[in-house]
Amino acid sequence: MTIRAIATGLLAMTLVACGEGGPRYLVESPTSELRVRSAVRTLLVRTVSLPTYAADEEIAFQDDEGVVRTMNFGLWADEPERATTLTVTRHLNAMTSAKVAPEPWPLPRPPEGVVDIRIETYIATNADTFRISGQYFLGSEEPEPEDNFDDPDYEPRTQPPPLPDRVGVFDISVALVGEGPSAIATAQAAALTRLSEKIARDLVR
């Protein structure tokens, strides 16, 4: 499939859609067999930061000239930043031993670890791939020092943070198979699964 084929097909579908935006597409990521024991018991996933062109409900693609355009037919079924955040959260819950939740943190006790994902590229490219690139940041606060109130000479011991500060860089490309928005949604879903696997491996102590 080529981006030109997508654009040509979308032009025809736009005439049928009568300007109403057309159908909405879900991003349903495939499951992963990866299972790891996390260094933290609870993990907060901050709201994923997306480029402006990817944060809109319109589906973006890169044309043959490298220009970012949006499709006139078809929309994302959910707000992209919310959907991406929830997808990564669900994957990390399944892949790791940690209890993982998005912000705002819903559990009574504060999370032991935090992951912050900032995406720079998030688009169907003119190389017939869906590309996702950027950085993620992992870390946790240092535990409170241990006290022994029965011993006045006891010196509190500082414990290292369960999850050391880490910075990860990613650049993932998945081939587009088929045509139209559904092909983009499928490739995007696969890319998010790969990104989640990379983050999960970094959560191991």
C-alpha atoms as a PDB file:
ATOM      1  CA  MET A   1       0.000   0.000   0.000  1.00  0.00           C
ATOM      2  CA  THR A   2       1.144   3.533  -0.747  1.00  0.00           C
ATOM      3  CA  ILE A   3       0.227   6.841   0.812  1.00  0.00           C
ATOM      4  CA  ARG A   4      -0.903   7.961  -2.659  1.00  0.00           C
ATOM      5  CA  ALA A   5      -3.341   5.040  -2.695  1.00  0.00           C
ATOM      6  CA  ILE A   6      -4.656   6.115   0.687  1.00  0.00           C
ATOM      7  CA  ALA A   7      -5.160   9.679  -0.472  1.00  0.00           C
ATOM      8  CA  THR A   8      -6.873   8.612  -3.716  1.00  0.00           C
ATOM      9  CA  GLY A   9      -9.173   6.223  -1.917  1.00  0.00           C
ATOM     10  CA  LEU A  10     -10.032   8.820   0.680  1.00  0.00           C
ATOM     11  CA  LEU A  11     -10.994  11.333  -1.987  1.00  0.00           C
ATOM     12  CA  ALA A  12     -13.558   8.901  -3.336  1.00  0.00           C
ATOM     13  CA  MET A  13     -14.846   8.073   0.130  1.00  0.00           C
ATOM     14  CA  THR A  14     -15.128  11.754   1.011  1.00  0.00           C
ATOM     15  CA  LEU A  15     -17.722  12.218  -1.745  1.00  0.00           C
ATOM     16  CA  VAL A  16     -19.792   9.469  -0.160  1.00  0.00           C
ATOM     17  CA  ALA A  17     -19.327  10.763   3.383  1.00  0.00           C
ATOM     18  CA  CYS A  18     -21.055  14.093   2.570  1.00  0.00           C
ATOM     19  CA  GLY A  19     -18.712  16.002   4.842  1.00  0.00           C
ATOM     20  CA  GLU A  20     -19.861  14.298   8.071  1.00  0.00           C
ATOM     21  CA  GLY A  21     -16.451  12.904   8.978  1.00  0.00           C
ATOM     22  CA  GLY A  22     -17.269   9.300   8.171  1.00  0.00           C
ATOM     23  CA  PRO A  23     -16.746   6.343  10.536  1.00  0.00           C
ATOM     24  CA  ARG A  24     -14.645   6.380  13.683  1.00  0.00           C
ATOM     25  CA  TYR A  25     -11.702   4.026  14.135  1.00  0.00           C
ATOM     26  CA  LEU A  26     -10.547   2.299  17.317  1.00  0.00           C
ATOM     27  CA  VAL A  27      -6.898   1.519  18.056  1.00  0.00           C
ATOM     28  CA  GLU A  28      -6.993  -2.014  19.454  1.00  0.00           C
ATOM     29  CA  SER A  29      -3.467  -3.139  20.280  1.00  0.00           C
ATOM     30  CA  PRO A  30      -2.526  -6.810  20.040  1.00  0.00           C
ATOM     31  CA  THR A  31      -1.625  -8.552  23.279  1.00  0.00           C
ATOM     32  CA  SER A  32       1.943  -9.472  24.195  1.00  0.00           C
ATOM     33  CA  GLU A  33       3.439 -12.601  25.716  1.00  0.00           C
ATOM     34  CA  LEU A  34       5.976 -10.532  27.677  1.00  0.00           C
ATOM     35  CA  ARG A  35       5.784 -10.884  31.479  1.00  0.00           C
ATOM     36  CA  VAL A  36       8.273  -9.234  33.856  1.00  0.00           C
ATOM     37  CA  ARG A  37       8.549  -8.549  37.588  1.00  0.00           C
ATOM     38  CA  SER A  38       8.556  -4.808  38.125  1.00  0.00           C
ATOM     39  CA  ALA A  39      10.878  -3.023  40.544  1.00  0.00           C
ATOM     40  CA  VAL A  40       7.861  -1.091  41.860  1.00  0.00           C
ATOM     41  CA  ARG A  41       4.504  -2.361  43.085  1.00  0.00           C
ATOM     42  CA  THR A  42       2.531   0.578  41.725  1.00  0.00           C
ATOM     43  CA  LEU A  43       3.173   2.767  38.682  1.00  0.00           C
ATOM     44  CA  LEU A  44       1.646   6.019  37.434  1.00  0.00           C
ATOM     45  CA  VAL A  45       1.469   6.620  33.676  1.00  0.00           C
ATOM     46  CA  ARG A  46       1.388  10.341  33.016  1.00  0.00           C
ATOM     47  CA  THR A  47      -0.798  11.535  30.147  1.00  0.00           C
ATOM     48  CA  VAL A  48       1.148  10.785  26.973  1.00  0.00           C
ATOM     49  CA  SER A  49       2.336  13.896  25.133  1.00  0.00           C
ATOM     50  CA  LEU A  50       1.591  13.785  21.387  1.00  0.00           C
ATOM     51  CA  PRO A  51       2.559  16.134  18.542  1.00  0.00           C
ATOM     52  CA  THR A  52      -0.132  18.672  17.666  1.00  0.00           C
ATOM     53  CA  TYR A  53      -1.005  16.923  14.397  1.00  0.00           C
ATOM     54  CA  ALA A  54      -1.519  13.617  16.225  1.00  0.00           C
ATOM     55  CA  ALA A  55      -3.548  14.979  19.147  1.00  0.00           C
ATOM     56  CA  ASP A  56      -6.535  15.845  16.951  1.00  0.00           C
ATOM     57  CA  GLU A  57      -9.384  13.446  16.183  1.00  0.00           C
ATOM     58  CA  GLU A  58      -8.600  13.731  12.464  1.00  0.00           C
ATOM     59  CA  ILE A  59      -6.268  11.017  11.146  1.00  0.00           C
ATOM     60  CA  ALA A  60      -2.935  12.418   9.965  1.00  0.00           C
ATOM     61  CA  PHE A  61      -0.622  11.041   7.281  1.00  0.00           C
ATOM     62  CA  GLN A  62       2.503  12.156   5.409  1.00  0.00           C
ATOM     63  CA  ASP A  63       2.118  12.687   1.665  1.00  0.00           C
ATOM     64  CA  ASP A  64       4.715  11.986  -1.038  1.00  0.00           C
ATOM     65  CA  GLU A  65       6.220  15.449  -0.546  1.00  0.00           C
ATOM     66  CA  GLY A  66       6.652  14.883   3.194  1.00  0.00           C
ATOM     67  CA  VAL A  67       3.808  17.254   4.087  1.00  0.00           C
ATOM     68  CA  VAL A  68       1.624  16.269   7.041  1.00  0.00           C
ATOM     69  CA  ARG A  69      -2.016  16.160   5.982  1.00  0.00           C
ATOM     70  CA  THR A  70      -5.252  15.025   7.600  1.00  0.00           C
ATOM     71  CA  MET A  71      -7.795  12.705   6.080  1.00  0.00           C
ATOM     72  CA  ASN A  72     -11.193  14.088   5.140  1.00  0.00           C
ATOM     73  CA  PHE A  73     -12.851  10.752   5.795  1.00  0.00           C
ATOM     74  CA  GLY A  74     -12.732   8.910   9.109  1.00  0.00           C
ATOM     75  CA  LEU A  75     -11.886  10.044  12.631  1.00  0.00           C
ATOM     76  CA  TRP A  76     -10.318   8.473  15.689  1.00  0.00           C
ATOM     77  CA  ALA A  77     -12.967   7.006  17.989  1.00  0.00           C
ATOM     78  CA  ASP A  78     -11.356   8.458  21.129  1.00  0.00           C
ATOM     79  CA  GLU A  79      -9.281  11.514  21.986  1.00  0.00           C
ATOM     80  CA  PRO A  80      -5.778  10.379  20.908  1.00  0.00           C
ATOM     81  CA  GLU A  81      -3.802  11.379  24.024  1.00  0.00           C
ATOM     82  CA  ARG A  82      -6.351   9.680  26.277  1.00  0.00           C
ATOM     83  CA  ALA A  83      -6.511   6.563  24.086  1.00  0.00           C
ATOM     84  CA  THR A  84      -2.717   6.272  23.865  1.00  0.00           C
ATOM     85  CA  THR A  85      -2.312   6.705  27.625  1.00  0.00           C
ATOM     86  CA  LEU A  86      -4.941   4.080  28.423  1.00  0.00           C
ATOM     87  CA  THR A  87      -3.495   1.637  25.877  1.00  0.00           C
ATOM     88  CA  VAL A  88       0.001   1.841  27.382  1.00  0.00           C
ATOM     89  CA  THR A  89      -1.473   1.567  30.889  1.00  0.00           C
ATOM     90  CA  ARG A  90      -3.404  -1.573  29.989  1.00  0.00           C
ATOM     91  CA  HIS A  91      -0.340  -3.163  28.376  1.00  0.00           C
ATOM     92  CA  LEU A  92       1.905  -2.437  31.371  1.00  0.00           C
ATOM     93  CA  ASN A  93      -0.720  -3.892  33.715  1.00  0.00           C
ATOM     94  CA  ALA A  94      -0.655  -7.105  31.703  1.00  0.00           C
ATOM     95  CA  MET A  95       3.101  -7.241  31.064  1.00  0.00           C
ATOM     96  CA  THR A  96       4.384  -6.377  34.555  1.00  0.00           C
ATOM     97  CA  SER A  97       3.692  -7.335  38.165  1.00  0.00           C
ATOM     98  CA  ALA A  98       2.881  -3.710  39.054  1.00  0.00           C
ATOM     99  CA  LYS A  99      -0.521  -2.153  39.537  1.00  0.00           C
ATOM    100  CA  VAL A 100      -0.534   0.493  36.796  1.00  0.00           C
ATOM    101  CA  ALA A 101      -2.933   3.423  36.437  1.00  0.00           C
ATOM    102  CA  PRO A 102      -3.095   6.711  34.491  1.00  0.00           C
ATOM    103  CA  GLU A 103      -3.247  10.141  36.030  1.00  0.00           C
ATOM    104  CA  PRO A 104      -5.028  11.374  38.033  1.00  0.00           C
ATOM    105  CA  TRP A 105      -3.829   8.588  40.360  1.00  0.00           C
ATOM    106  CA  PRO A 106      -6.944   6.672  41.531  1.00  0.00           C
ATOM    107  CA  LEU A 107      -5.557   4.539  44.390  1.00  0.00           C
ATOM    108  CA  PRO A 108      -5.358   5.608  48.078  1.00  0.00           C
ATOM    109  CA  ARG A 109      -1.567   5.313  48.426  1.00  0.00           C
ATOM    110  CA  PRO A 110       0.792   7.301  46.164  1.00  0.00           C
ATOM    111  CA  PRO A 111       2.467   5.389  43.313  1.00  0.00           C
ATOM    112  CA  GLU A 112       5.968   4.051  43.846  1.00  0.00           C
ATOM    113  CA  GLY A 113       7.058   4.769  40.281  1.00  0.00           C
ATOM    114  CA  VAL A 114       6.217   7.107  37.429  1.00  0.00           C
ATOM    115  CA  VAL A 115       6.565   6.867  33.643  1.00  0.00           C
ATOM    116  CA  ASP A 116       6.341   9.978  31.462  1.00  0.00           C
ATOM    117  CA  ILE A 117       6.135   9.392  27.681  1.00  0.00           C
ATOM    118  CA  ARG A 118       6.780  12.205  25.217  1.00  0.00           C
ATOM    119  CA  ILE A 119       6.197  11.335  21.580  1.00  0.00           C
ATOM    120  CA  GLU A 120       7.845  13.364  18.811  1.00  0.00           C
ATOM    121  CA  THR A 121       6.711  11.439  15.706  1.00  0.00           C
ATOM    122  CA  TYR A 122       3.361   9.646  15.487  1.00  0.00           C
ATOM    123  CA  ILE A 123       2.262   9.283  11.890  1.00  0.00           C
ATOM    124  CA  ALA A 124       1.655   7.135   8.828  1.00  0.00           C
ATOM    125  CA  THR A 125       4.719   7.961   6.748  1.00  0.00           C
ATOM    126  CA  ASN A 126       5.300   8.140   2.997  1.00  0.00           C
ATOM    127  CA  ALA A 127       7.552   5.084   3.436  1.00  0.00           C
ATOM    128  CA  ASP A 128       4.403   2.984   3.995  1.00  0.00           C
ATOM    129  CA  THR A 129       5.001   2.580   7.723  1.00  0.00           C
ATOM    130  CA  PHE A 130       3.492   3.892  10.907  1.00  0.00           C
ATOM    131  CA  ARG A 131       6.315   5.528  12.846  1.00  0.00           C
ATOM    132  CA  ILE A 132       6.381   6.380  16.539  1.00  0.00           C
ATOM    133  CA  SER A 133       9.478   7.982  18.063  1.00  0.00           C
ATOM    134  CA  GLY A 134      10.317   9.943  21.183  1.00  0.00           C
ATOM    135  CA  GLN A 135      11.508   9.486  24.762  1.00  0.00           C
ATOM    136  CA  TYR A 136      10.192   8.129  28.047  1.00  0.00           C
ATOM    137  CA  PHE A 137      11.301   8.831  31.598  1.00  0.00           C
ATOM    138  CA  LEU A 138      11.122   6.425  34.548  1.00  0.00           C
ATOM    139  CA  GLY A 139      11.778   7.032  38.212  1.00  0.00           C
ATOM    140  CA  SER A 140      10.588   6.899  41.812  1.00  0.00           C
ATOM    141  CA  GLU A 141      11.082   8.888  44.994  1.00  0.00           C
ATOM    142  CA  GLU A 142      13.517   7.730  47.669  1.00  0.00           C
ATOM    143  CA  PRO A 143      11.774   5.847  50.506  1.00  0.00           C
ATOM    144  CA  GLU A 144      11.538   7.518  53.901  1.00  0.00           C
ATOM    145  CA  PRO A 145      14.591   6.714  56.103  1.00  0.00           C
ATOM    146  CA  GLU A 146      14.075   3.933  58.635  1.00  0.00           C
ATOM    147  CA  ASP A 147      13.786   5.206  62.218  1.00  0.00           C
ATOM    148  CA  ASN A 148      14.265   3.404  65.511  1.00  0.00           C
ATOM    149  CA  PHE A 149      12.677   5.500  68.239  1.00  0.00           C
ATOM    150  CA  ASP A 150      13.774   3.045  70.958  1.00  0.00           C
ATOM    151  CA  ASP A 151      17.453   3.748  70.260  1.00  0.00           C
ATOM    152  CA  PRO A 152      18.428   7.454  70.480  1.00  0.00           C
ATOM    153  CA  ASP A 153      21.827   6.678  68.935  1.00  0.00           C
ATOM    154  CA  TYR A 154      20.331   4.957  65.914  1.00  0.00           C
ATOM    155  CA  GLU A 155      21.254   6.595  62.623  1.00  0.00           C
ATOM    156  CA  PRO A 156      18.440   6.394  60.063  1.00  0.00           C
ATOM    157  CA  ARG A 157      19.379   4.444  56.963  1.00  0.00           C
ATOM    158  CA  THR A 158      18.464   5.889  53.613  1.00  0.00           C
ATOM    159  CA  GLN A 159      17.090   3.356  51.170  1.00  0.00           C
ATOM    160  CA  PRO A 160      17.768   3.664  47.431  1.00  0.00           C
ATOM    161  CA  PRO A 161      14.745   4.363  45.235  1.00  0.00           C
ATOM    162  CA  PRO A 162      13.137   1.117  44.031  1.00  0.00           C
ATOM    163  CA  LEU A 163      13.210   2.371  40.445  1.00  0.00           C
ATOM    164  CA  PRO A 164      16.353   4.337  39.518  1.00  0.00           C
ATOM    165  CA  ASP A 165      15.916   7.307  37.187  1.00  0.00           C
ATOM    166  CA  ARG A 166      16.065   6.149  33.580  1.00  0.00           C
ATOM    167  CA  VAL A 167      15.639   7.762  30.174  1.00  0.00           C
ATOM    168  CA  GLY A 168      14.634   5.654  27.190  1.00  0.00           C
ATOM    169  CA  VAL A 169      14.704   6.610  23.512  1.00  0.00           C
ATOM    170  CA  PHE A 170      12.500   4.812  21.005  1.00  0.00           C
ATOM    171  CA  ASP A 171      11.983   4.824  17.237  1.00  0.00           C
ATOM    172  CA  ILE A 172       9.520   2.164  16.108  1.00  0.00           C
ATOM    173  CA  SER A 173       8.190   1.571  12.591  1.00  0.00           C
ATOM    174  CA  VAL A 174       5.467  -0.894  11.627  1.00  0.00           C
ATOM    175  CA  ALA A 175       4.579  -1.673   8.009  1.00  0.00           C
ATOM    176  CA  LEU A 176       1.176  -0.533   6.765  1.00  0.00           C
ATOM    177  CA  VAL A 177      -0.778  -3.536   5.474  1.00  0.00           C
ATOM    178  CA  GLY A 178      -3.871  -2.766   3.440  1.00  0.00           C
ATOM    179  CA  GLU A 179      -5.369   0.609   2.691  1.00  0.00           C
ATOM    180  CA  GLY A 180      -7.200   3.419   4.432  1.00  0.00           C
ATOM    181  CA  PRO A 181      -7.644   4.451   8.070  1.00  0.00           C
ATOM    182  CA  SER A 182      -8.064   0.868   9.297  1.00  0.00           C
ATOM    183  CA  ALA A 183      -4.539   0.028   8.080  1.00  0.00           C
ATOM    184  CA  ILE A 184      -3.165   3.032   9.961  1.00  0.00           C
ATOM    185  CA  ALA A 185      -5.078   2.064  13.122  1.00  0.00           C
ATOM    186  CA  THR A 186      -3.741  -1.508  12.971  1.00  0.00           C
ATOM    187  CA  ALA A 187      -0.114  -0.419  12.497  1.00  0.00           C
ATOM    188  CA  GLN A 188      -0.408   2.214  15.227  1.00  0.00           C
ATOM    189  CA  ALA A 189      -1.765  -0.409  17.628  1.00  0.00           C
ATOM    190  CA  ALA A 190       1.164  -2.744  16.919  1.00  0.00           C
ATOM    191  CA  ALA A 191       3.638   0.109  17.460  1.00  0.00           C
ATOM    192  CA  LEU A 192       2.117   0.882  20.877  1.00  0.00           C
ATOM    193  CA  THR A 193       2.478  -2.762  21.884  1.00  0.00           C
ATOM    194  CA  ARG A 194       6.190  -2.660  20.990  1.00  0.00           C
ATOM    195  CA  LEU A 195       6.667   0.586  22.899  1.00  0.00           C
ATOM    196  CA  SER A 196       4.966  -0.879  25.968  1.00  0.00           C
ATOM    197  CA  GLU A 197       7.234  -3.942  25.816  1.00  0.00           C
ATOM    198  CA  LYS A 198      10.306  -1.704  25.760  1.00  0.00           C
ATOM    199  CA  ILE A 199       9.098   0.252  28.789  1.00  0.00           C
ATOM    200  CA  ALA A 200       8.176  -2.941  30.652  1.00  0.00           C
ATOM    201  CA  ARG A 201      11.709  -4.316  30.267  1.00  0.00           C
ATOM    202  CA  ASP A 202      13.099  -1.104  31.776  1.00  0.00           C
ATOM    203  CA  LEU A 203      10.849  -1.510  34.823  1.00  0.00           C
ATOM    204  CA  VAL A 204      12.840  -4.528  35.971  1.00  0.00           C
ATOM    205  CA  ARG A 205      15.120  -3.690  38.898  1.00  0.00           C
END
